[in-house]
Amino acid sequence: MGNGTSIGRVRGLGSAKAGAHHFWHQRLTAVSNLVLMLWFVLSLALLPAYDYDTVYAWVSSAWGAVPLILLATSVFYHAKMGLQTVIEDYQHDETRVVALIALNLVYGAGWLLAAFSILRIAFTGTPA
């Protein structure tokens, strides 16, 4: 019991055994997004001013840069997993593989740009 129908077993359409892993990663990143976004909003609200120099100094500190990297990582990974689920569920022809590759490239490039920008500010220190 629990192996699907006879025709499903013949066609190999049973469980891929990866759904629970994907499900839990989506839930964990959703919780981390909530916590990190609350931190982000509160941190910005508590800044003494909202000018360029103040925000730059905040991002260049370890207390600003490390959680921002974690936030970017969590948000990009969560969004990628969500769109991957949509593509896998609704795209059924040859373009599915192309769409999944494009998804990984776009989200990888976006995360890399965000991480590079945050780290560049964090390691240069003062605004130019």
C-alpha atoms as a PDB file:
ATOM      1  CA  MET A   1       0.000   0.000   0.000  1.00  0.00           C
ATOM      2  CA  GLY A   2       1.168   3.548  -0.633  1.00  0.00           C
ATOM      3  CA  ASN A   3       2.961   2.727  -3.903  1.00  0.00           C
ATOM      4  CA  GLY A   4       0.384   4.324  -6.198  1.00  0.00           C
ATOM      5  CA  THR A   5      -1.671   2.640  -8.842  1.00  0.00           C
ATOM      6  CA  SER A   6      -0.474  -0.280 -10.944  1.00  0.00           C
ATOM      7  CA  ILE A   7      -0.240   1.840 -14.093  1.00  0.00           C
ATOM      8  CA  GLY A   8       1.665   4.522 -12.157  1.00  0.00           C
ATOM      9  CA  ARG A   9       4.244   1.952 -11.028  1.00  0.00           C
ATOM     10  CA  VAL A  10       4.633   0.697 -14.592  1.00  0.00           C
ATOM     11  CA  ARG A  11       5.129   4.198 -16.013  1.00  0.00           C
ATOM     12  CA  GLY A  12       7.441   5.210 -13.175  1.00  0.00           C
ATOM     13  CA  LEU A  13       5.111   8.003 -12.046  1.00  0.00           C
ATOM     14  CA  GLY A  14       5.447   7.336  -8.338  1.00  0.00           C
ATOM     15  CA  SER A  15       6.908   9.633  -5.749  1.00  0.00           C
ATOM     16  CA  ALA A  16      10.269  11.186  -6.550  1.00  0.00           C
ATOM     17  CA  LYS A  17      11.052  11.179  -2.787  1.00  0.00           C
ATOM     18  CA  ALA A  18      12.141  14.841  -2.868  1.00  0.00           C
ATOM     19  CA  GLY A  19       8.897  16.688  -2.148  1.00  0.00           C
ATOM     20  CA  ALA A  20       9.242  16.750   1.632  1.00  0.00           C
ATOM     21  CA  HIS A  21      12.769  18.174   1.421  1.00  0.00           C
ATOM     22  CA  HIS A  22      11.606  20.969  -0.883  1.00  0.00           C
ATOM     23  CA  PHE A  23       8.524  21.607   1.285  1.00  0.00           C
ATOM     24  CA  TRP A  24      10.595  22.022   4.456  1.00  0.00           C
ATOM     25  CA  HIS A  25      13.145  24.262   2.775  1.00  0.00           C
ATOM     26  CA  GLN A  26      10.340  26.546   1.609  1.00  0.00           C
ATOM     27  CA  ARG A  27       8.865  26.700   5.117  1.00  0.00           C
ATOM     28  CA  LEU A  28      12.228  27.309   6.809  1.00  0.00           C
ATOM     29  CA  THR A  29      13.168  30.083   4.388  1.00  0.00           C
ATOM     30  CA  ALA A  30       9.718  31.635   4.873  1.00  0.00           C
ATOM     31  CA  VAL A  31      10.323  31.799   8.634  1.00  0.00           C
ATOM     32  CA  SER A  32      13.852  33.152   8.170  1.00  0.00           C
ATOM     33  CA  ASN A  33      12.497  35.756   5.723  1.00  0.00           C
ATOM     34  CA  LEU A  34       9.970  36.867   8.317  1.00  0.00           C
ATOM     35  CA  VAL A  35      12.584  37.188  11.080  1.00  0.00           C
ATOM     36  CA  LEU A  36      15.182  38.881   8.885  1.00  0.00           C
ATOM     37  CA  MET A  37      12.668  41.291   7.334  1.00  0.00           C
ATOM     38  CA  LEU A  38      11.505  42.300  10.817  1.00  0.00           C
ATOM     39  CA  TRP A  39      15.149  42.917  11.745  1.00  0.00           C
ATOM     40  CA  PHE A  40      15.652  44.917   8.532  1.00  0.00           C
ATOM     41  CA  VAL A  41      12.612  47.158   9.032  1.00  0.00           C
ATOM     42  CA  LEU A  42      13.375  47.743  12.717  1.00  0.00           C
ATOM     43  CA  SER A  43      17.038  48.457  11.999  1.00  0.00           C
ATOM     44  CA  LEU A  44      16.145  51.021   9.363  1.00  0.00           C
ATOM     45  CA  ALA A  45      13.516  52.576  11.628  1.00  0.00           C
ATOM     46  CA  LEU A  46      16.067  52.966  14.430  1.00  0.00           C
ATOM     47  CA  LEU A  47      18.660  54.768  12.300  1.00  0.00           C
ATOM     48  CA  PRO A  48      19.206  58.344  13.452  1.00  0.00           C
ATOM     49  CA  ALA A  49      18.923  59.683   9.879  1.00  0.00           C
ATOM     50  CA  TYR A  50      18.152  58.308   6.432  1.00  0.00           C
ATOM     51  CA  ASP A  51      20.843  60.067   4.464  1.00  0.00           C
ATOM     52  CA  TYR A  52      23.430  58.297   2.312  1.00  0.00           C
ATOM     53  CA  ASP A  53      26.279  58.475   4.846  1.00  0.00           C
ATOM     54  CA  THR A  54      24.218  57.035   7.716  1.00  0.00           C
ATOM     55  CA  VAL A  55      22.884  54.093   5.716  1.00  0.00           C
ATOM     56  CA  TYR A  56      26.332  53.459   4.211  1.00  0.00           C
ATOM     57  CA  ALA A  57      27.895  53.398   7.676  1.00  0.00           C
ATOM     58  CA  TRP A  58      25.177  51.026   8.890  1.00  0.00           C
ATOM     59  CA  VAL A  59      25.739  48.600   6.002  1.00  0.00           C
ATOM     60  CA  SER A  60      29.507  48.796   6.448  1.00  0.00           C
ATOM     61  CA  SER A  61      29.239  47.600  10.056  1.00  0.00           C
ATOM     62  CA  ALA A  62      29.221  43.882  10.823  1.00  0.00           C
ATOM     63  CA  TRP A  63      25.817  44.256  12.526  1.00  0.00           C
ATOM     64  CA  GLY A  64      24.390  45.476   9.231  1.00  0.00           C
ATOM     65  CA  ALA A  65      26.312  43.512   6.607  1.00  0.00           C
ATOM     66  CA  VAL A  66      26.058  39.967   7.992  1.00  0.00           C
ATOM     67  CA  PRO A  67      22.263  39.937   8.455  1.00  0.00           C
ATOM     68  CA  LEU A  68      21.844  41.649   5.067  1.00  0.00           C
ATOM     69  CA  ILE A  69      23.812  38.832   3.411  1.00  0.00           C
ATOM     70  CA  LEU A  70      21.628  36.313   5.251  1.00  0.00           C
ATOM     71  CA  LEU A  71      18.496  38.193   4.167  1.00  0.00           C
ATOM     72  CA  ALA A  72      19.572  38.279   0.516  1.00  0.00           C
ATOM     73  CA  THR A  73      20.444  34.578   0.608  1.00  0.00           C
ATOM     74  CA  SER A  74      17.153  33.594   2.200  1.00  0.00           C
ATOM     75  CA  VAL A  75      14.995  35.766  -0.072  1.00  0.00           C
ATOM     76  CA  PHE A  76      16.676  34.678  -3.307  1.00  0.00           C
ATOM     77  CA  TYR A  77      16.633  30.979  -2.329  1.00  0.00           C
ATOM     78  CA  HIS A  78      12.976  31.125  -1.262  1.00  0.00           C
ATOM     79  CA  ALA A  79      11.926  32.890  -4.478  1.00  0.00           C
ATOM     80  CA  LYS A  80      13.907  30.440  -6.610  1.00  0.00           C
ATOM     81  CA  MET A  81      12.274  27.455  -4.921  1.00  0.00           C
ATOM     82  CA  GLY A  82       8.816  28.944  -5.358  1.00  0.00           C
ATOM     83  CA  LEU A  83       9.276  29.587  -9.080  1.00  0.00           C
ATOM     84  CA  GLN A  84      10.909  26.184  -9.498  1.00  0.00           C
ATOM     85  CA  THR A  85       7.748  24.606  -8.077  1.00  0.00           C
ATOM     86  CA  VAL A  86       5.588  26.594 -10.497  1.00  0.00           C
ATOM     87  CA  ILE A  87       7.745  25.565 -13.471  1.00  0.00           C
ATOM     88  CA  GLU A  88       7.814  21.901 -12.446  1.00  0.00           C
ATOM     89  CA  ASP A  89       4.056  21.796 -11.862  1.00  0.00           C
ATOM     90  CA  TYR A  90       2.848  23.658 -14.958  1.00  0.00           C
ATOM     91  CA  GLN A  91       5.536  23.331 -17.645  1.00  0.00           C
ATOM     92  CA  HIS A  92       5.435  19.903 -19.269  1.00  0.00           C
ATOM     93  CA  ASP A  93       7.325  20.127 -22.555  1.00  0.00           C
ATOM     94  CA  GLU A  94      10.970  20.522 -23.586  1.00  0.00           C
ATOM     95  CA  THR A  95      11.117  24.130 -22.484  1.00  0.00           C
ATOM     96  CA  ARG A  96      10.905  23.010 -18.846  1.00  0.00           C
ATOM     97  CA  VAL A  97      14.638  22.267 -18.697  1.00  0.00           C
ATOM     98  CA  VAL A  98      15.477  25.584 -20.347  1.00  0.00           C
ATOM     99  CA  ALA A  99      13.211  27.429 -17.913  1.00  0.00           C
ATOM    100  CA  LEU A 100      14.832  25.710 -14.890  1.00  0.00           C
ATOM    101  CA  ILE A 101      18.332  26.519 -16.153  1.00  0.00           C
ATOM    102  CA  ALA A 102      17.357  30.148 -16.804  1.00  0.00           C
ATOM    103  CA  LEU A 103      15.787  30.328 -13.349  1.00  0.00           C
ATOM    104  CA  ASN A 104      18.986  29.131 -11.690  1.00  0.00           C
ATOM    105  CA  LEU A 105      21.128  31.525 -13.723  1.00  0.00           C
ATOM    106  CA  VAL A 106      18.942  34.577 -13.065  1.00  0.00           C
ATOM    107  CA  TYR A 107      18.578  33.981  -9.340  1.00  0.00           C
ATOM    108  CA  GLY A 108      22.234  33.024  -8.986  1.00  0.00           C
ATOM    109  CA  ALA A 109      23.293  36.230 -10.732  1.00  0.00           C
ATOM    110  CA  GLY A 110      20.898  38.296  -8.612  1.00  0.00           C
ATOM    111  CA  TRP A 111      22.213  36.835  -5.380  1.00  0.00           C
ATOM    112  CA  LEU A 112      25.815  37.276  -6.507  1.00  0.00           C
ATOM    113  CA  LEU A 113      25.184  40.945  -7.334  1.00  0.00           C
ATOM    114  CA  ALA A 114      23.475  41.549  -3.970  1.00  0.00           C
ATOM    115  CA  ALA A 115      26.207  39.763  -1.994  1.00  0.00           C
ATOM    116  CA  PHE A 116      28.989  41.537  -3.890  1.00  0.00           C
ATOM    117  CA  SER A 117      27.370  44.937  -3.310  1.00  0.00           C
ATOM    118  CA  ILE A 118      26.924  44.352   0.421  1.00  0.00           C
ATOM    119  CA  LEU A 119      30.448  42.959   0.852  1.00  0.00           C
ATOM    120  CA  ARG A 120      31.989  45.802  -1.133  1.00  0.00           C
ATOM    121  CA  ILE A 121      30.352  48.357   1.138  1.00  0.00           C
ATOM    122  CA  ALA A 122      31.269  46.322   4.229  1.00  0.00           C
ATOM    123  CA  PHE A 123      34.957  46.042   3.325  1.00  0.00           C
ATOM    124  CA  THR A 124      35.540  49.559   1.994  1.00  0.00           C
ATOM    125  CA  GLY A 125      34.215  51.241   5.124  1.00  0.00           C
ATOM    126  CA  THR A 126      33.703  54.900   4.318  1.00  0.00           C
ATOM    127  CA  PRO A 127      31.783  56.315   1.352  1.00  0.00           C
ATOM    128  CA  ALA A 128      33.786  57.642  -1.554  1.00  0.00           C
END
